[in-house]
């Protein structure tokens, strides 16, 4: 069952598809050694913090991946 984009079954969580898409995006950026703008970084950081608020275990893992991404000043 979902309420406002959050799964509320046994415990609150984010949809698996959302988490997987963000994880794949972070992985692809790290593997290709691409640079992103500070604005894109802050958007991804917001998504990671939202996930971390709902599920600290997944959020911390995504945050570690996010720290590996290089940024350029726009």
PDB file of N, CA and C in Angstrom:
ATOM      1  N   UNK A   1       0.844  -1.164   0.000  1.00  0.00           N
ATOM      2  CA  UNK A   1       0.000   0.000   0.000  1.00  0.00           C
ATOM      3  C   UNK A   1       0.900   1.241   0.000  1.00  0.00           C
ATOM      4  N   UNK A   2       0.560   2.208  -0.849  1.00  0.00           N
ATOM      5  CA  UNK A   2       1.362   3.429  -0.946  1.00  0.00           C
ATOM      6  C   UNK A   2       0.541   4.642  -0.550  1.00  0.00           C
ATOM      7  N   UNK A   3       1.186   5.536   0.188  1.00  0.00           N
ATOM      8  CA  UNK A   3       0.584   6.816   0.554  1.00  0.00           C
ATOM      9  C   UNK A   3       1.617   7.897   0.270  1.00  0.00           C
ATOM     10  N   UNK A   4       1.284   8.838  -0.587  1.00  0.00           N
ATOM     11  CA  UNK A   4       2.159   9.947  -0.985  1.00  0.00           C
ATOM     12  C   UNK A   4       3.563   9.494  -1.380  1.00  0.00           C
ATOM     13  N   UNK A   5       3.648   8.402  -2.130  1.00  0.00           N
ATOM     14  CA  UNK A   5       4.935   7.931  -2.630  1.00  0.00           C
ATOM     15  C   UNK A   5       5.745   7.127  -1.641  1.00  0.00           C
ATOM     16  N   UNK A   6       5.152   6.764  -0.512  1.00  0.00           N
ATOM     17  CA  UNK A   6       5.856   5.981   0.499  1.00  0.00           C
ATOM     18  C   UNK A   6       5.089   4.687   0.719  1.00  0.00           C
ATOM     19  N   UNK A   7       5.810   3.582   0.755  1.00  0.00           N
ATOM     20  CA  UNK A   7       5.192   2.291   1.023  1.00  0.00           C
ATOM     21  C   UNK A   7       4.933   2.192   2.521  1.00  0.00           C
ATOM     22  N   UNK A   8       3.711   1.870   2.886  1.00  0.00           N
ATOM     23  CA  UNK A   8       3.349   1.813   4.312  1.00  0.00           C
ATOM     24  C   UNK A   8       2.763   0.452   4.663  1.00  0.00           C
ATOM     25  N   UNK A   9       3.439  -0.603   4.332  1.00  0.00           N
ATOM     26  CA  UNK A   9       2.951  -1.933   4.682  1.00  0.00           C
ATOM     27  C   UNK A   9       3.278  -2.238   6.142  1.00  0.00           C
ATOM     28  N   UNK A  10       4.258  -3.034   6.395  1.00  0.00           N
ATOM     29  CA  UNK A  10       4.660  -3.366   7.758  1.00  0.00           C
ATOM     30  C   UNK A  10       5.430  -2.206   8.378  1.00  0.00           C
ATOM     31  N   UNK A  11       6.321  -1.607   7.590  1.00  0.00           N
ATOM     32  CA  UNK A  11       7.075  -0.433   8.025  1.00  0.00           C
ATOM     33  C   UNK A  11       7.134   0.549   6.866  1.00  0.00           C
ATOM     34  N   UNK A  12       7.412   1.796   7.152  1.00  0.00           N
ATOM     35  CA  UNK A  12       7.502   2.774   6.070  1.00  0.00           C
ATOM     36  C   UNK A  12       8.792   2.561   5.298  1.00  0.00           C
ATOM     37  N   UNK A  13       8.707   2.709   4.007  1.00  0.00           N
ATOM     38  CA  UNK A  13       9.847   2.514   3.135  1.00  0.00           C
ATOM     39  C   UNK A  13       9.560   3.218   1.823  1.00  0.00           C
ATOM     40  N   UNK A  14      10.560   3.283   0.959  1.00  0.00           N
ATOM     41  CA  UNK A  14      10.335   3.854  -0.367  1.00  0.00           C
ATOM     42  C   UNK A  14      10.096   2.714  -1.335  1.00  0.00           C
ATOM     43  N   UNK A  15       9.474   3.002  -2.469  1.00  0.00           N
ATOM     44  CA  UNK A  15       9.274   1.940  -3.458  1.00  0.00           C
ATOM     45  C   UNK A  15      10.610   1.376  -3.937  1.00  0.00           C
ATOM     46  N   UNK A  16      10.652   0.092  -4.129  1.00  0.00           N
ATOM     47  CA  UNK A  16      11.878  -0.587  -4.543  1.00  0.00           C
ATOM     48  C   UNK A  16      12.396  -0.035  -5.878  1.00  0.00           C
ATOM     49  N   UNK A  17      11.486   0.278  -6.769  1.00  0.00           N
ATOM     50  CA  UNK A  17      11.878   0.799  -8.080  1.00  0.00           C
ATOM     51  C   UNK A  17      12.618   2.133  -7.944  1.00  0.00           C
ATOM     52  N   UNK A  18      12.150   2.994  -7.056  1.00  0.00           N
ATOM     53  CA  UNK A  18      12.786   4.296  -6.843  1.00  0.00           C
ATOM     54  C   UNK A  18      14.205   4.116  -6.324  1.00  0.00           C
ATOM     55  N   UNK A  19      14.366   3.251  -5.349  1.00  0.00           N
ATOM     56  CA  UNK A  19      15.693   2.998  -4.773  1.00  0.00           C
ATOM     57  C   UNK A  19      16.624   2.384  -5.805  1.00  0.00           C
ATOM     58  N   UNK A  20      16.128   1.432  -6.581  1.00  0.00           N
ATOM     59  CA  UNK A  20      16.958   0.782  -7.593  1.00  0.00           C
ATOM     60  C   UNK A  20      17.381   1.752  -8.690  1.00  0.00           C
ATOM     61  N   UNK A  21      16.465   2.639  -9.107  1.00  0.00           N
ATOM     62  CA  UNK A  21      16.800   3.609 -10.142  1.00  0.00           C
ATOM     63  C   UNK A  21      17.898   4.560  -9.670  1.00  0.00           C
ATOM     64  N   UNK A  22      17.798   5.041  -8.441  1.00  0.00           N
ATOM     65  CA  UNK A  22      18.822   5.940  -7.910  1.00  0.00           C
ATOM     66  C   UNK A  22      20.153   5.212  -7.757  1.00  0.00           C
ATOM     67  N   UNK A  23      20.105   3.988  -7.269  1.00  0.00           N
ATOM     68  CA  UNK A  23      21.322   3.202  -7.102  1.00  0.00           C
ATOM     69  C   UNK A  23      21.990   2.949  -8.457  1.00  0.00           C
ATOM     70  N   UNK A  24      21.190   2.659  -9.487  1.00  0.00           N
ATOM     71  CA  UNK A  24      21.733   2.429 -10.823  1.00  0.00           C
ATOM     72  C   UNK A  24      22.351   3.707 -11.382  1.00  0.00           C
ATOM     73  N   UNK A  25      21.699   4.828 -11.153  1.00  0.00           N
ATOM     74  CA  UNK A  25      22.233   6.105 -11.633  1.00  0.00           C
ATOM     75  C   UNK A  25      23.578   6.400 -10.975  1.00  0.00           C
ATOM     76  N   UNK A  26      23.668   6.200  -9.672  1.00  0.00           N
ATOM     77  CA  UNK A  26      24.925   6.429  -8.956  1.00  0.00           C
ATOM     78  C   UNK A  26      26.007   5.472  -9.438  1.00  0.00           C
ATOM     79  N   UNK A  27      25.638   4.226  -9.642  1.00  0.00           N
ATOM     80  CA  UNK A  27      26.606   3.231 -10.113  1.00  0.00           C
ATOM     81  C   UNK A  27      27.132   3.597 -11.495  1.00  0.00           C
ATOM     82  N   UNK A  28      26.241   3.977 -12.399  1.00  0.00           N
ATOM     83  CA  UNK A  28      26.658   4.341 -13.755  1.00  0.00           C
ATOM     84  C   UNK A  28      27.571   5.561 -13.757  1.00  0.00           C
ATOM     85  N   UNK A  29      27.283   6.538 -12.906  1.00  0.00           N
ATOM     86  CA  UNK A  29      28.146   7.718 -12.821  1.00  0.00           C
ATOM     87  C   UNK A  29      29.524   7.351 -12.279  1.00  0.00           C
ATOM     88  N   UNK A  30      29.563   6.464 -11.305  1.00  0.00           N
ATOM     89  CA  UNK A  30      30.845   6.064 -10.723  1.00  0.00           C
ATOM     90  C   UNK A  30      31.670   5.240 -11.703  1.00  0.00           C
ATOM     91  N   UNK A  31      31.034   4.322 -12.409  1.00  0.00           N
ATOM     92  CA  UNK A  31      31.753   3.456 -13.339  1.00  0.00           C
ATOM     93  C   UNK A  31      32.280   4.250 -14.534  1.00  0.00           C
ATOM     94  N   UNK A  32      31.483   5.180 -15.033  1.00  0.00           N
ATOM     95  CA  UNK A  32      31.909   5.956 -16.200  1.00  0.00           C
ATOM     96  C   UNK A  32      32.822   7.115 -15.813  1.00  0.00           C
ATOM     97  N   UNK A  33      32.996   7.324 -14.506  1.00  0.00           N
ATOM     98  CA  UNK A  33      33.854   8.388 -13.988  1.00  0.00           C
ATOM     99  C   UNK A  33      33.406   9.758 -14.507  1.00  0.00           C
ATOM    100  N   UNK A  34      32.093   9.933 -14.615  1.00  0.00           N
ATOM    101  CA  UNK A  34      31.517  11.184 -15.112  1.00  0.00           C
ATOM    102  C   UNK A  34      31.475  12.234 -14.011  1.00  0.00           C
ATOM    103  N   UNK A  35      31.396  13.475 -14.445  1.00  0.00           N
ATOM    104  CA  UNK A  35      31.241  14.589 -13.508  1.00  0.00           C
ATOM    105  C   UNK A  35      29.832  15.138 -13.648  1.00  0.00           C
ATOM    106  N   UNK A  36      29.267  15.585 -12.540  1.00  0.00           N
ATOM    107  CA  UNK A  36      27.944  16.194 -12.565  1.00  0.00           C
ATOM    108  C   UNK A  36      28.049  17.595 -11.970  1.00  0.00           C
ATOM    109  N   UNK A  37      27.059  18.415 -12.253  1.00  0.00           N
ATOM    110  CA  UNK A  37      27.060  19.773 -11.717  1.00  0.00           C
ATOM    111  C   UNK A  37      26.678  19.742 -10.243  1.00  0.00           C
ATOM    112  N   UNK A  38      26.953  20.828  -9.562  1.00  0.00           N
ATOM    113  CA  UNK A  38      26.586  20.919  -8.145  1.00  0.00           C
ATOM    114  C   UNK A  38      25.075  20.842  -7.964  1.00  0.00           C
ATOM    115  N   UNK A  39      24.330  21.386  -8.941  1.00  0.00           N
ATOM    116  CA  UNK A  39      22.870  21.334  -8.868  1.00  0.00           C
ATOM    117  C   UNK A  39      22.377  19.885  -8.940  1.00  0.00           C
ATOM    118  N   UNK A  40      22.914  19.105  -9.876  1.00  0.00           N
ATOM    119  CA  UNK A  40      22.539  17.694  -9.987  1.00  0.00           C
ATOM    120  C   UNK A  40      22.941  16.931  -8.728  1.00  0.00           C
ATOM    121  N   UNK A  41      24.105  17.275  -8.191  1.00  0.00           N
ATOM    122  CA  UNK A  41      24.571  16.634  -6.965  1.00  0.00           C
ATOM    123  C   UNK A  41      23.610  16.923  -5.814  1.00  0.00           C
ATOM    124  N   UNK A  42      23.172  18.178  -5.699  1.00  0.00           N
ATOM    125  CA  UNK A  42      22.268  18.526  -4.597  1.00  0.00           C
ATOM    126  C   UNK A  42      20.911  17.852  -4.760  1.00  0.00           C
ATOM    127  N   UNK A  43      20.457  17.651  -5.992  1.00  0.00           N
ATOM    128  CA  UNK A  43      19.204  16.936  -6.211  1.00  0.00           C
ATOM    129  C   UNK A  43      19.330  15.484  -5.776  1.00  0.00           C
ATOM    130  N   UNK A  44      20.427  14.839  -6.162  1.00  0.00           N
ATOM    131  CA  UNK A  44      20.632  13.449  -5.760  1.00  0.00           C
ATOM    132  C   UNK A  44      20.841  13.346  -4.259  1.00  0.00           C
ATOM    133  N   UNK A  45      21.515  14.328  -3.678  1.00  0.00           N
ATOM    134  CA  UNK A  45      21.726  14.335  -2.234  1.00  0.00           C
ATOM    135  C   UNK A  45      20.388  14.423  -1.500  1.00  0.00           C
ATOM    136  N   UNK A  46      19.463  15.219  -2.031  1.00  0.00           N
ATOM    137  CA  UNK A  46      18.134  15.319  -1.440  1.00  0.00           C
ATOM    138  C   UNK A  46      17.389  13.997  -1.500  1.00  0.00           C
ATOM    139  N   UNK A  47      17.493  13.296  -2.624  1.00  0.00           N
ATOM    140  CA  UNK A  47      16.853  11.988  -2.738  1.00  0.00           C
ATOM    141  C   UNK A  47      17.449  10.995  -1.755  1.00  0.00           C
ATOM    142  N   UNK A  48      18.769  11.024  -1.638  1.00  0.00           N
ATOM    143  CA  UNK A  48      19.447  10.109  -0.711  1.00  0.00           C
ATOM    144  C   UNK A  48      19.030  10.413   0.728  1.00  0.00           C
ATOM    145  N   UNK A  49      18.947  11.678   1.093  1.00  0.00           N
ATOM    146  CA  UNK A  49      18.555  12.037   2.455  1.00  0.00           C
ATOM    147  C   UNK A  49      17.110  11.645   2.739  1.00  0.00           C
ATOM    148  N   UNK A  50      16.240  11.750   1.726  1.00  0.00           N
ATOM    149  CA  UNK A  50      14.850  11.334   1.894  1.00  0.00           C
ATOM    150  C   UNK A  50      14.789   9.834   2.153  1.00  0.00           C
ATOM    151  N   UNK A  51      15.578   9.070   1.379  1.00  0.00           N
ATOM    152  CA  UNK A  51      15.634   7.620   1.582  1.00  0.00           C
ATOM    153  C   UNK A  51      16.217   7.310   2.949  1.00  0.00           C
ATOM    154  N   UNK A  52      17.250   8.038   3.330  1.00  0.00           N
ATOM    155  CA  UNK A  52      17.900   7.818   4.625  1.00  0.00           C
ATOM    156  C   UNK A  52      16.958   8.107   5.786  1.00  0.00           C
ATOM    157  N   UNK A  53      16.073   9.063   5.596  1.00  0.00           N
ATOM    158  CA  UNK A  53      15.092   9.381   6.633  1.00  0.00           C
ATOM    159  C   UNK A  53      14.123   8.211   6.845  1.00  0.00           C
ATOM    160  N   UNK A  54      13.734   7.562   5.752  1.00  0.00           N
ATOM    161  CA  UNK A  54      12.782   6.464   5.842  1.00  0.00           C
ATOM    162  C   UNK A  54      13.444   5.125   6.137  1.00  0.00           C
ATOM    163  N   UNK A  55      14.642   4.917   5.604  1.00  0.00           N
ATOM    164  CA  UNK A  55      15.343   3.653   5.790  1.00  0.00           C
ATOM    165  C   UNK A  55      16.839   3.940   5.908  1.00  0.00           C
ATOM    166  N   UNK A  56      17.339   4.113   7.123  1.00  0.00           N
ATOM    167  CA  UNK A  56      18.741   4.498   7.322  1.00  0.00           C
ATOM    168  C   UNK A  56      19.755   3.535   6.699  1.00  0.00           C
ATOM    169  N   UNK A  57      19.465   2.263   6.680  1.00  0.00           N
ATOM    170  CA  UNK A  57      20.411   1.292   6.121  1.00  0.00           C
ATOM    171  C   UNK A  57      20.622   1.534   4.624  1.00  0.00           C
ATOM    172  N   UNK A  58      19.543   1.615   3.868  1.00  0.00           N
ATOM    173  CA  UNK A  58      19.666   1.864   2.430  1.00  0.00           C
ATOM    174  C   UNK A  58      20.209   3.266   2.166  1.00  0.00           C
ATOM    175  N   UNK A  59      19.777   4.222   2.947  1.00  0.00           N
ATOM    176  CA  UNK A  59      20.219   5.594   2.761  1.00  0.00           C
ATOM    177  C   UNK A  59      21.708   5.765   2.979  1.00  0.00           C
ATOM    178  N   UNK A  60      22.239   5.111   3.993  1.00  0.00           N
ATOM    179  CA  UNK A  60      23.678   5.204   4.254  1.00  0.00           C
ATOM    180  C   UNK A  60      24.489   4.570   3.134  1.00  0.00           C
ATOM    181  N   UNK A  61      24.012   3.458   2.597  1.00  0.00           N
ATOM    182  CA  UNK A  61      24.702   2.821   1.471  1.00  0.00           C
ATOM    183  C   UNK A  61      24.699   3.731   0.245  1.00  0.00           C
ATOM    184  N   UNK A  62      23.565   4.349  -0.041  1.00  0.00           N
ATOM    185  CA  UNK A  62      23.484   5.253  -1.180  1.00  0.00           C
ATOM    186  C   UNK A  62      24.343   6.492  -0.957  1.00  0.00           C
ATOM    187  N   UNK A  63      24.411   6.960   0.271  1.00  0.00           N
ATOM    188  CA  UNK A  63      25.232   8.129   0.584  1.00  0.00           C
ATOM    189  C   UNK A  63      26.711   7.838   0.336  1.00  0.00           C
ATOM    190  N   UNK A  64      27.156   6.639   0.668  1.00  0.00           N
ATOM    191  CA  UNK A  64      28.544   6.258   0.392  1.00  0.00           C
ATOM    192  C   UNK A  64      28.818   6.264  -1.105  1.00  0.00           C
ATOM    193  N   UNK A  65      27.861   5.778  -1.884  1.00  0.00           N
ATOM    194  CA  UNK A  65      28.031   5.791  -3.338  1.00  0.00           C
ATOM    195  C   UNK A  65      28.046   7.221  -3.864  1.00  0.00           C
ATOM    196  N   UNK A  66      27.216   8.075  -3.307  1.00  0.00           N
ATOM    197  CA  UNK A  66      27.135   9.458  -3.752  1.00  0.00           C
ATOM    198  C   UNK A  66      28.444  10.197  -3.488  1.00  0.00           C
ATOM    199  N   UNK A  67      29.122   9.869  -2.420  1.00  0.00           N
ATOM    200  CA  UNK A  67      30.380  10.536  -2.086  1.00  0.00           C
ATOM    201  C   UNK A  67      31.471  10.230  -3.111  1.00  0.00           C
ATOM    202  N   UNK A  68      31.316   9.170  -3.896  1.00  0.00           N
ATOM    203  CA  UNK A  68      32.310   8.792  -4.902  1.00  0.00           C
ATOM    204  C   UNK A  68      32.177   9.590  -6.196  1.00  0.00           C
ATOM    205  N   UNK A  69      31.066  10.318  -6.347  1.00  0.00           N
ATOM    206  CA  UNK A  69      30.785  11.047  -7.587  1.00  0.00           C
ATOM    207  C   UNK A  69      31.505  12.387  -7.568  1.00  0.00           C
ATOM    208  N   UNK A  70      32.133  12.719  -8.698  1.00  0.00           N
ATOM    209  CA  UNK A  70      32.837  13.998  -8.822  1.00  0.00           C
ATOM    210  C   UNK A  70      31.870  15.074  -9.309  1.00  0.00           C
ATOM    211  N   UNK A  71      32.062  16.291  -8.810  1.00  0.00           N
ATOM    212  CA  UNK A  71      31.211  17.402  -9.232  1.00  0.00           C
ATOM    213  C   UNK A  71      32.073  18.498  -9.850  1.00  0.00           C
ATOM    214  N   UNK A  72      31.447  19.289 -10.698  1.00  0.00           N
ATOM    215  CA  UNK A  72      32.083  20.451 -11.291  1.00  0.00           C
ATOM    216  C   UNK A  72      31.236  21.660 -10.962  1.00  0.00           C
ATOM    217  N   UNK A  73      31.878  22.780 -10.802  1.00  0.00           N
ATOM    218  CA  UNK A  73      31.137  24.015 -10.522  1.00  0.00           C
ATOM    219  C   UNK A  73      30.490  24.503 -11.806  1.00  0.00           C
ATOM    220  N   UNK A  74      29.227  24.844 -11.683  1.00  0.00           N
ATOM    221  CA  UNK A  74      28.474  25.270 -12.869  1.00  0.00           C
ATOM    222  C   UNK A  74      28.637  26.750 -13.126  1.00  0.00           C
TER     223      UNK A  74
END
